[in-house]
């Protein structure tokens, strides 16, 4: 959380984290395409030739007011590929909330678990408590065959009442519900800190 008192702006950072090709960028693309241009920035994506995220994606949204300040939500994705682990840690720095995007396909369980463990390790390395970080779990790609049962995914990724949503990010299903829940958690925590 960063406050620009001169402009009366409250900058809050939400990071979409998950394994490669889980749908992190697709979430931001859908949000960008369906949000009033007056309330959002352009979508910035740094990609490889294969159209894979190399550093991060970034989108800023301006919504409402909190204690006389205008909140600006800075949405980032991390690159999912293992070779960019240092970048994922760097993007997590200063996060106020996280959306963990799970690829629901059964053959991606190991990748999801590894990404989840790595995210927790990075948060701890940054001096942040994973259990106190506002986090929403998104079970993405629920339209594909060979899906892991929701009960298995919940057991692996949901604890202590963590909010979760099923989604098909490419169609927009669950995208704004996930974002709204994350914003509510982040705003609640920010209000306690102000």
Protein backbone atom coordinates (compact mmCIF):
# COMPACT_ATOMS: atom_id res chain seq x y z
CA UNK A 1 0.00 0.00 0.00
CA UNK A 2 1.33 3.39 -1.00
CA UNK A 3 -0.45 6.68 -0.31
CA UNK A 4 0.18 9.75 -2.44
CA UNK A 5 -1.16 12.41 -0.07
CA UNK A 6 -0.69 15.22 -2.58
CA UNK A 7 -3.00 13.51 -5.11
CA UNK A 8 -5.11 11.83 -2.37
CA UNK A 9 -4.47 8.44 -4.01
CA UNK A 10 -4.23 5.05 -2.35
CA UNK A 11 -2.23 2.63 -4.51
CA UNK A 12 -2.92 -1.05 -3.87
CA UNK A 13 -1.22 -3.96 -5.60
CA UNK A 14 -2.96 -7.23 -6.52
CA UNK A 15 -0.83 -9.99 -8.02
CA UNK A 16 -2.22 -12.82 -10.13
CA UNK A 17 0.02 -15.80 -9.35
CA UNK A 18 -0.06 -19.37 -10.65
CA UNK A 19 1.68 -21.89 -12.89
CA UNK A 20 2.48 -21.29 -16.54
CA UNK A 21 -0.56 -21.12 -18.85
CA UNK A 22 -3.07 -21.19 -15.99
CA UNK A 23 -4.90 -18.08 -17.23
CA UNK A 24 -3.36 -15.17 -15.32
CA UNK A 25 -2.91 -12.97 -18.40
CA UNK A 26 -6.31 -14.05 -19.75
CA UNK A 27 -7.92 -12.69 -16.56
CA UNK A 28 -6.30 -9.28 -17.04
CA UNK A 29 -7.16 -9.21 -20.74
CA UNK A 30 -10.81 -9.91 -19.96
CA UNK A 31 -10.92 -7.27 -17.19
CA UNK A 32 -9.28 -4.71 -19.48
CA UNK A 33 -11.66 -5.44 -22.36
CA UNK A 34 -14.78 -5.15 -20.17
CA UNK A 35 -13.86 -2.13 -18.01
CA UNK A 36 -14.75 1.47 -18.82
CA UNK A 37 -11.64 3.08 -20.39
CA UNK A 38 -12.11 6.07 -18.04
CA UNK A 39 -11.54 3.76 -15.05
CA UNK A 40 -8.52 1.83 -16.31
CA UNK A 41 -5.07 2.20 -17.80
CA UNK A 42 -3.86 0.49 -20.93
CA UNK A 43 -2.84 -3.14 -20.48
CA UNK A 44 0.93 -3.45 -20.54
CA UNK A 45 2.30 -6.89 -21.41
CA UNK A 46 5.92 -7.89 -21.87
CA UNK A 47 5.93 -11.14 -23.84
CA UNK A 48 8.25 -13.56 -25.62
CA UNK A 49 7.91 -14.34 -29.34
CA UNK A 50 5.74 -17.30 -28.33
CA UNK A 51 3.30 -14.85 -26.67
CA UNK A 52 4.27 -15.98 -23.17
CA UNK A 53 4.62 -13.46 -20.33
CA UNK A 54 8.32 -12.73 -19.82
CA UNK A 55 8.20 -10.17 -17.01
CA UNK A 56 4.66 -9.21 -16.01
CA UNK A 57 1.35 -7.84 -17.22
CA UNK A 58 0.04 -4.63 -15.66
CA UNK A 59 -3.38 -2.99 -15.51
CA UNK A 60 -4.53 -0.15 -13.24
CA UNK A 61 -8.15 0.32 -12.14
CA UNK A 62 -9.60 3.32 -10.29
CA UNK A 63 -12.61 2.57 -8.09
CA UNK A 64 -14.55 4.51 -5.45
CA UNK A 65 -13.11 6.18 -2.35
CA UNK A 66 -11.81 5.10 1.02
CA UNK A 67 -11.42 7.63 3.83
CA UNK A 68 -11.18 10.50 1.36
CA UNK A 69 -8.59 8.72 -0.80
CA UNK A 70 -9.08 7.46 -4.36
CA UNK A 71 -8.00 3.80 -4.54
CA UNK A 72 -6.00 2.72 -7.56
CA UNK A 73 -5.69 -1.02 -7.94
CA UNK A 74 -2.55 -2.07 -9.74
CA UNK A 75 -3.09 -5.56 -11.17
CA UNK A 76 -0.01 -7.59 -12.04
CA UNK A 77 0.60 -11.09 -13.29
CA UNK A 78 3.75 -13.07 -12.71
CA UNK A 79 5.39 -15.11 -15.46
CA UNK A 80 4.48 -18.73 -14.86
CA UNK A 81 7.55 -20.36 -16.32
CA UNK A 82 9.96 -21.81 -13.75
CA UNK A 83 12.95 -20.05 -15.35
CA UNK A 84 11.48 -16.69 -14.24
CA UNK A 85 11.33 -17.52 -10.51
CA UNK A 86 13.35 -14.45 -9.51
CA UNK A 87 10.95 -12.25 -11.49
CA UNK A 88 7.93 -13.82 -9.79
CA UNK A 89 9.46 -13.01 -6.40
CA UNK A 90 10.16 -9.42 -7.50
CA UNK A 91 6.59 -8.90 -8.76
CA UNK A 92 5.21 -10.18 -5.42
CA UNK A 93 7.15 -7.51 -3.53
CA UNK A 94 4.75 -4.97 -2.07
CA UNK A 95 1.65 -7.03 -2.86
CA UNK A 96 -1.51 -6.13 -0.94
CA UNK A 97 -3.46 -9.13 -2.22
CA UNK A 98 -3.12 -12.22 -4.40
CA UNK A 99 -5.29 -14.14 -6.82
CA UNK A 100 -3.89 -17.65 -7.11
CA UNK A 101 -4.97 -19.02 -10.49
CA UNK A 102 -5.21 -22.82 -10.53
CA UNK A 103 -5.26 -24.73 -13.82
CA UNK A 104 -8.06 -27.21 -13.03
CA UNK A 105 -6.84 -29.95 -15.36
CA UNK A 106 -5.84 -33.13 -13.54
CA UNK A 107 -2.49 -33.32 -15.37
CA UNK A 108 -1.56 -29.85 -14.03
CA UNK A 109 -1.95 -30.67 -10.31
CA UNK A 110 1.79 -31.00 -9.70
CA UNK A 111 2.46 -27.64 -11.45
CA UNK A 112 -0.23 -25.95 -9.35
CA UNK A 113 1.13 -27.38 -6.09
CA UNK A 114 4.68 -26.35 -6.98
CA UNK A 115 3.58 -22.79 -7.85
CA UNK A 116 1.57 -22.54 -4.60
CA UNK A 117 4.54 -23.67 -2.49
CA UNK A 118 6.88 -21.32 -4.35
CA UNK A 119 4.48 -18.39 -3.82
CA UNK A 120 4.39 -19.09 -0.07
CA UNK A 121 8.19 -19.31 0.05
CA UNK A 122 8.56 -16.01 -1.83
CA UNK A 123 6.12 -14.26 0.53
CA UNK A 124 8.07 -15.51 3.54
CA UNK A 125 11.37 -14.43 1.92
CA UNK A 126 9.85 -10.95 1.49
CA UNK A 127 8.90 -10.85 5.19
CA UNK A 128 5.18 -11.31 4.50
CA UNK A 129 2.99 -13.83 6.27
CA UNK A 130 1.20 -16.01 3.69
CA UNK A 131 -1.66 -16.67 6.12
CA UNK A 132 -2.29 -12.93 6.58
CA UNK A 133 -2.05 -11.99 2.92
CA UNK A 134 -5.50 -11.38 1.39
CA UNK A 135 -5.82 -14.20 -1.13
CA UNK A 136 -8.53 -15.54 -3.40
CA UNK A 137 -8.23 -18.88 -5.20
CA UNK A 138 -9.52 -19.15 -8.76
CA UNK A 139 -10.09 -22.64 -10.17
CA UNK A 140 -9.72 -21.81 -13.85
CA UNK A 141 -10.36 -23.74 -17.07
CA UNK A 142 -13.44 -25.48 -15.66
CA UNK A 143 -14.69 -25.97 -19.23
CA UNK A 144 -11.96 -28.43 -20.21
CA UNK A 145 -12.00 -32.24 -20.04
CA UNK A 146 -10.05 -34.25 -17.44
CA UNK A 147 -10.73 -31.85 -14.57
CA UNK A 148 -9.56 -32.40 -11.02
CA UNK A 149 -12.60 -32.69 -8.72
CA UNK A 150 -13.39 -29.48 -6.82
CA UNK A 151 -13.11 -31.39 -3.53
CA UNK A 152 -9.48 -32.27 -4.36
CA UNK A 153 -8.63 -28.71 -5.41
CA UNK A 154 -10.26 -27.26 -2.30
CA UNK A 155 -8.34 -29.64 -0.06
CA UNK A 156 -5.04 -28.63 -1.71
CA UNK A 157 -5.51 -24.86 -1.99
CA UNK A 158 -8.28 -23.59 0.29
CA UNK A 159 -7.80 -23.11 4.03
CA UNK A 160 -9.32 -21.03 6.81
CA UNK A 161 -12.27 -19.85 4.74
CA UNK A 162 -10.19 -18.61 1.80
CA UNK A 163 -12.62 -17.39 -0.89
CA UNK A 164 -12.58 -19.41 -4.11
CA UNK A 165 -14.30 -19.27 -7.46
CA UNK A 166 -14.68 -21.53 -10.45
CA UNK A 167 -13.81 -19.81 -13.70
CA UNK A 168 -13.38 -19.97 -17.42
CA UNK A 169 -11.27 -16.84 -17.84
CA UNK A 170 -11.32 -16.98 -21.64
CA UNK A 171 -15.12 -16.55 -21.51
CA UNK A 172 -15.14 -14.25 -18.47
CA UNK A 173 -16.88 -16.73 -16.16
CA UNK A 174 -15.77 -16.03 -12.58
CA UNK A 175 -13.27 -13.32 -13.59
CA UNK A 176 -15.01 -10.30 -12.07
CA UNK A 177 -16.30 -12.31 -9.11
CA UNK A 178 -12.69 -13.23 -8.28
CA UNK A 179 -11.51 -9.64 -8.72
CA UNK A 180 -14.36 -8.19 -6.64
CA UNK A 181 -13.68 -10.61 -3.77
CA UNK A 182 -9.96 -9.78 -3.87
CA UNK A 183 -10.63 -6.02 -3.92
CA UNK A 184 -12.97 -6.39 -0.94
CA UNK A 185 -10.32 -8.28 1.06
CA UNK A 186 -7.60 -5.77 0.14
CA UNK A 187 -9.84 -2.77 0.94
CA UNK A 188 -10.82 -4.26 4.29
CA UNK A 189 -7.19 -4.70 5.26
CA UNK A 190 -6.28 -1.20 3.97
CA UNK A 191 -9.06 0.37 6.06
CA UNK A 192 -7.63 -1.30 9.18
CA UNK A 193 -4.19 0.14 8.40
CA UNK A 194 -5.35 3.71 7.69
